[in-house]
Amino acid sequence: MKKEKTETNNNQFTTVKTGYARIAVLLLAINFCLTGYVVYSMNSTMQTQIDNVTSGQEVQQARQAEPAEVADEPQADENKE
């Protein structure tokens, strides 16, 4: 009878090809960069909108704080028919 050598690897979970590991790390890095870009863009957009709303309220408050100009024209008498 012929004896066959069979090698079994009991550490199947710890054996990883380096190519797959490199691809996984590369994908994680790309994911991190894209997520950072999206968060930065959303923050910039929201800040612009907040600034527009805030400046609009400041202009409105400034208009309300200004004294109203009174015309020197005589007012019409409402009791006249």
N, C-alpha and C. Protein backbone atom coordinates (compact mmCIF):
# COMPACT_ATOMS: atom_id res chain seq x y z
N MET A 1 0.82 -1.17 0.00
CA MET A 1 0.00 0.00 0.00
C MET A 1 0.87 1.24 0.00
N LYS A 2 0.39 2.19 -0.69
CA LYS A 2 1.14 3.42 -0.83
C LYS A 2 0.65 4.45 0.18
N LYS A 3 1.58 5.07 0.88
CA LYS A 3 1.21 6.10 1.84
C LYS A 3 1.28 7.45 1.14
N GLU A 4 0.19 8.13 1.24
CA GLU A 4 0.15 9.47 0.64
C GLU A 4 0.34 10.50 1.73
N LYS A 5 1.16 11.47 1.37
CA LYS A 5 1.36 12.56 2.31
C LYS A 5 0.27 13.59 2.09
N THR A 6 -0.41 13.86 3.12
CA THR A 6 -1.42 14.93 3.04
C THR A 6 -1.10 15.94 4.12
N GLU A 7 -0.94 17.14 3.66
CA GLU A 7 -0.68 18.21 4.61
C GLU A 7 -1.98 18.96 4.83
N THR A 8 -2.32 19.08 6.05
CA THR A 8 -3.51 19.85 6.37
C THR A 8 -3.07 21.09 7.14
N ASN A 9 -3.72 22.14 6.82
CA ASN A 9 -3.42 23.39 7.49
C ASN A 9 -4.51 23.63 8.52
N ASN A 10 -4.17 23.52 9.77
CA ASN A 10 -5.14 23.72 10.83
C ASN A 10 -5.41 25.20 11.09
N ASN A 11 -4.54 26.06 10.61
CA ASN A 11 -4.69 27.49 10.82
C ASN A 11 -5.25 28.16 9.58
N GLN A 12 -6.41 27.74 9.15
CA GLN A 12 -7.00 28.29 7.93
C GLN A 12 -7.43 29.74 8.12
N PHE A 13 -7.82 30.13 9.32
CA PHE A 13 -8.29 31.48 9.55
C PHE A 13 -7.14 32.48 9.66
N THR A 14 -5.97 32.02 10.02
CA THR A 14 -4.85 32.95 10.17
C THR A 14 -4.04 33.08 8.90
N THR A 15 -4.27 32.23 7.93
CA THR A 15 -3.53 32.31 6.68
C THR A 15 -4.31 33.20 5.72
N VAL A 16 -3.72 34.33 5.39
CA VAL A 16 -4.35 35.28 4.46
C VAL A 16 -3.32 35.65 3.42
N LYS A 17 -3.74 35.64 2.20
CA LYS A 17 -2.83 36.07 1.15
C LYS A 17 -2.64 37.57 1.26
N THR A 18 -1.43 38.01 1.07
CA THR A 18 -1.13 39.43 1.25
C THR A 18 -1.81 40.31 0.21
N GLY A 19 -2.09 39.78 -0.95
CA GLY A 19 -2.79 40.55 -1.99
C GLY A 19 -4.17 40.96 -1.53
N TYR A 20 -4.89 40.03 -0.92
CA TYR A 20 -6.23 40.34 -0.43
C TYR A 20 -6.16 41.35 0.71
N ALA A 21 -5.20 41.20 1.57
CA ALA A 21 -5.06 42.12 2.70
C ALA A 21 -4.73 43.53 2.20
N ARG A 22 -3.89 43.63 1.19
CA ARG A 22 -3.55 44.94 0.64
C ARG A 22 -4.76 45.60 -0.01
N ILE A 23 -5.53 44.81 -0.72
CA ILE A 23 -6.74 45.34 -1.36
C ILE A 23 -7.72 45.82 -0.29
N ALA A 24 -7.87 45.06 0.78
CA ALA A 24 -8.78 45.45 1.85
C ALA A 24 -8.34 46.76 2.50
N VAL A 25 -7.06 46.90 2.76
CA VAL A 25 -6.55 48.14 3.36
C VAL A 25 -6.72 49.31 2.40
N LEU A 26 -6.49 49.08 1.13
CA LEU A 26 -6.67 50.13 0.13
C LEU A 26 -8.13 50.58 0.06
N LEU A 27 -9.05 49.62 0.09
CA LEU A 27 -10.47 49.97 0.06
C LEU A 27 -10.88 50.74 1.32
N LEU A 28 -10.33 50.36 2.45
CA LEU A 28 -10.62 51.09 3.69
C LEU A 28 -10.09 52.53 3.61
N ALA A 29 -8.92 52.71 3.04
CA ALA A 29 -8.35 54.05 2.91
C ALA A 29 -9.20 54.91 1.96
N ILE A 30 -9.64 54.33 0.86
CA ILE A 30 -10.49 55.05 -0.09
C ILE A 30 -11.82 55.42 0.57
N ASN A 31 -12.38 54.49 1.32
CA ASN A 31 -13.63 54.74 2.03
C ASN A 31 -13.45 55.89 3.03
N PHE A 32 -12.35 55.90 3.75
CA PHE A 32 -12.08 56.95 4.73
C PHE A 32 -11.97 58.31 4.03
N CYS A 33 -11.26 58.36 2.92
CA CYS A 33 -11.09 59.62 2.19
C CYS A 33 -12.41 60.13 1.64
N LEU A 34 -13.20 59.26 1.04
CA LEU A 34 -14.49 59.69 0.48
C LEU A 34 -15.45 60.14 1.57
N THR A 35 -15.46 59.43 2.69
CA THR A 35 -16.33 59.81 3.79
C THR A 35 -15.92 61.18 4.34
N GLY A 36 -14.63 61.40 4.48
CA GLY A 36 -14.15 62.70 4.95
C GLY A 36 -14.53 63.81 4.00
N TYR A 37 -14.43 63.56 2.70
CA TYR A 37 -14.79 64.57 1.70
C TYR A 37 -16.28 64.91 1.78
N VAL A 38 -17.12 63.89 1.91
CA VAL A 38 -18.56 64.11 1.98
C VAL A 38 -18.92 64.90 3.24
N VAL A 39 -18.33 64.54 4.36
CA VAL A 39 -18.61 65.26 5.61
C VAL A 39 -18.15 66.70 5.50
N TYR A 40 -16.99 66.94 4.92
CA TYR A 40 -16.47 68.30 4.74
C TYR A 40 -17.40 69.11 3.83
N SER A 41 -17.85 68.51 2.73
CA SER A 41 -18.72 69.21 1.80
C SER A 41 -20.07 69.55 2.43
N MET A 42 -20.62 68.59 3.17
CA MET A 42 -21.90 68.84 3.82
C MET A 42 -21.76 69.93 4.88
N ASN A 43 -20.67 69.93 5.61
CA ASN A 43 -20.43 70.95 6.63
C ASN A 43 -20.30 72.33 5.98
N SER A 44 -19.59 72.39 4.88
CA SER A 44 -19.42 73.66 4.17
C SER A 44 -20.75 74.18 3.65
N THR A 45 -21.56 73.30 3.09
CA THR A 45 -22.87 73.69 2.56
C THR A 45 -23.79 74.17 3.67
N MET A 46 -23.81 73.44 4.77
CA MET A 46 -24.66 73.83 5.89
C MET A 46 -24.20 75.16 6.48
N GLN A 47 -22.91 75.38 6.58
CA GLN A 47 -22.40 76.63 7.14
C GLN A 47 -22.78 77.81 6.25
N THR A 48 -22.74 77.61 4.93
CA THR A 48 -23.14 78.66 4.00
C THR A 48 -24.61 79.01 4.18
N GLN A 49 -25.45 77.99 4.33
CA GLN A 49 -26.88 78.23 4.53
C GLN A 49 -27.13 78.94 5.85
N ILE A 50 -26.43 78.53 6.89
CA ILE A 50 -26.59 79.18 8.20
C ILE A 50 -26.15 80.63 8.12
N ASP A 51 -25.05 80.90 7.43
CA ASP A 51 -24.58 82.27 7.29
C ASP A 51 -25.58 83.13 6.53
N ASN A 52 -26.20 82.56 5.49
CA ASN A 52 -27.20 83.31 4.72
C ASN A 52 -28.41 83.64 5.58
N VAL A 53 -28.88 82.70 6.36
CA VAL A 53 -30.03 82.93 7.23
C VAL A 53 -29.68 83.96 8.30
N THR A 54 -28.51 83.80 8.89
CA THR A 54 -28.09 84.72 9.96
C THR A 54 -27.91 86.13 9.44
N SER A 55 -27.29 86.29 8.28
CA SER A 55 -27.09 87.64 7.72
C SER A 55 -28.42 88.25 7.33
N GLY A 56 -29.36 87.46 6.89
CA GLY A 56 -30.69 87.96 6.55
C GLY A 56 -31.41 88.48 7.79
N GLN A 57 -31.25 87.76 8.91
CA GLN A 57 -31.88 88.21 10.15
C GLN A 57 -31.22 89.47 10.67
N GLU A 58 -29.90 89.58 10.50
CA GLU A 58 -29.20 90.78 10.96
C GLU A 58 -29.63 92.00 10.15
N VAL A 59 -29.82 91.84 8.85
CA VAL A 59 -30.28 92.94 8.01
C VAL A 59 -31.68 93.35 8.42
N GLN A 60 -32.54 92.37 8.69
CA GLN A 60 -33.91 92.66 9.09
C GLN A 60 -33.93 93.38 10.44
N GLN A 61 -33.11 92.94 11.38
CA GLN A 61 -33.05 93.60 12.68
C GLN A 61 -32.50 95.01 12.55
N ALA A 62 -31.54 95.21 11.67
CA ALA A 62 -30.98 96.54 11.46
C ALA A 62 -32.03 97.48 10.87
N ARG A 63 -32.85 96.98 9.98
CA ARG A 63 -33.91 97.80 9.38
C ARG A 63 -34.94 98.19 10.43
N GLN A 64 -35.26 97.27 11.33
CA GLN A 64 -36.23 97.56 12.37
C GLN A 64 -35.66 98.55 13.39
N ALA A 65 -34.36 98.54 13.60
CA ALA A 65 -33.73 99.42 14.58
C ALA A 65 -33.58 100.84 14.06
N GLU A 66 -33.57 101.05 12.73
CA GLU A 66 -33.41 102.38 12.16
C GLU A 66 -34.65 103.21 12.45
N PRO A 67 -34.47 104.48 12.75
CA PRO A 67 -35.66 105.33 12.97
C PRO A 67 -36.40 105.52 11.66
N ALA A 68 -37.71 105.49 11.75
CA ALA A 68 -38.53 105.65 10.55
C ALA A 68 -38.48 107.10 10.10
N GLU A 69 -38.39 107.30 8.82
CA GLU A 69 -38.36 108.65 8.28
C GLU A 69 -39.79 109.18 8.23
N VAL A 70 -39.97 110.33 8.81
CA VAL A 70 -41.30 110.93 8.86
C VAL A 70 -41.36 112.01 7.79
N ALA A 71 -42.38 111.91 6.99
CA ALA A 71 -42.56 112.90 5.93
C ALA A 71 -43.21 114.15 6.51
N ASP A 72 -42.82 115.28 6.02
CA ASP A 72 -43.38 116.54 6.50
C ASP A 72 -44.68 116.90 5.78
N GLU A 73 -45.20 116.01 4.99
CA GLU A 73 -46.42 116.28 4.25
C GLU A 73 -47.61 116.23 5.21
N PRO A 74 -48.55 117.09 5.01
CA PRO A 74 -49.75 117.05 5.87
C PRO A 74 -50.57 115.82 5.56
N GLN A 75 -51.13 115.25 6.59
CA GLN A 75 -51.95 114.06 6.40
C GLN A 75 -53.36 114.46 6.06
N ALA A 76 -54.00 113.67 5.24
CA ALA A 76 -55.37 113.96 4.85
C ALA A 76 -56.29 113.72 6.02
N ASP A 77 -57.29 114.56 6.13
CA ASP A 77 -58.24 114.39 7.22
C ASP A 77 -59.24 113.31 6.81
N GLU A 78 -59.36 112.29 7.64
CA GLU A 78 -60.21 111.14 7.30
C GLU A 78 -61.68 111.46 7.54
N ASN A 79 -61.99 112.52 8.27
CA ASN A 79 -63.37 112.82 8.59
C ASN A 79 -64.08 113.59 7.47
N LYS A 80 -63.32 114.09 6.54
CA LYS A 80 -63.95 114.84 5.43
C LYS A 80 -64.67 113.87 4.53
N GLU A 81 -65.80 114.35 4.02
CA GLU A 81 -66.58 113.50 3.11
C GLU A 81 -66.54 114.01 1.73
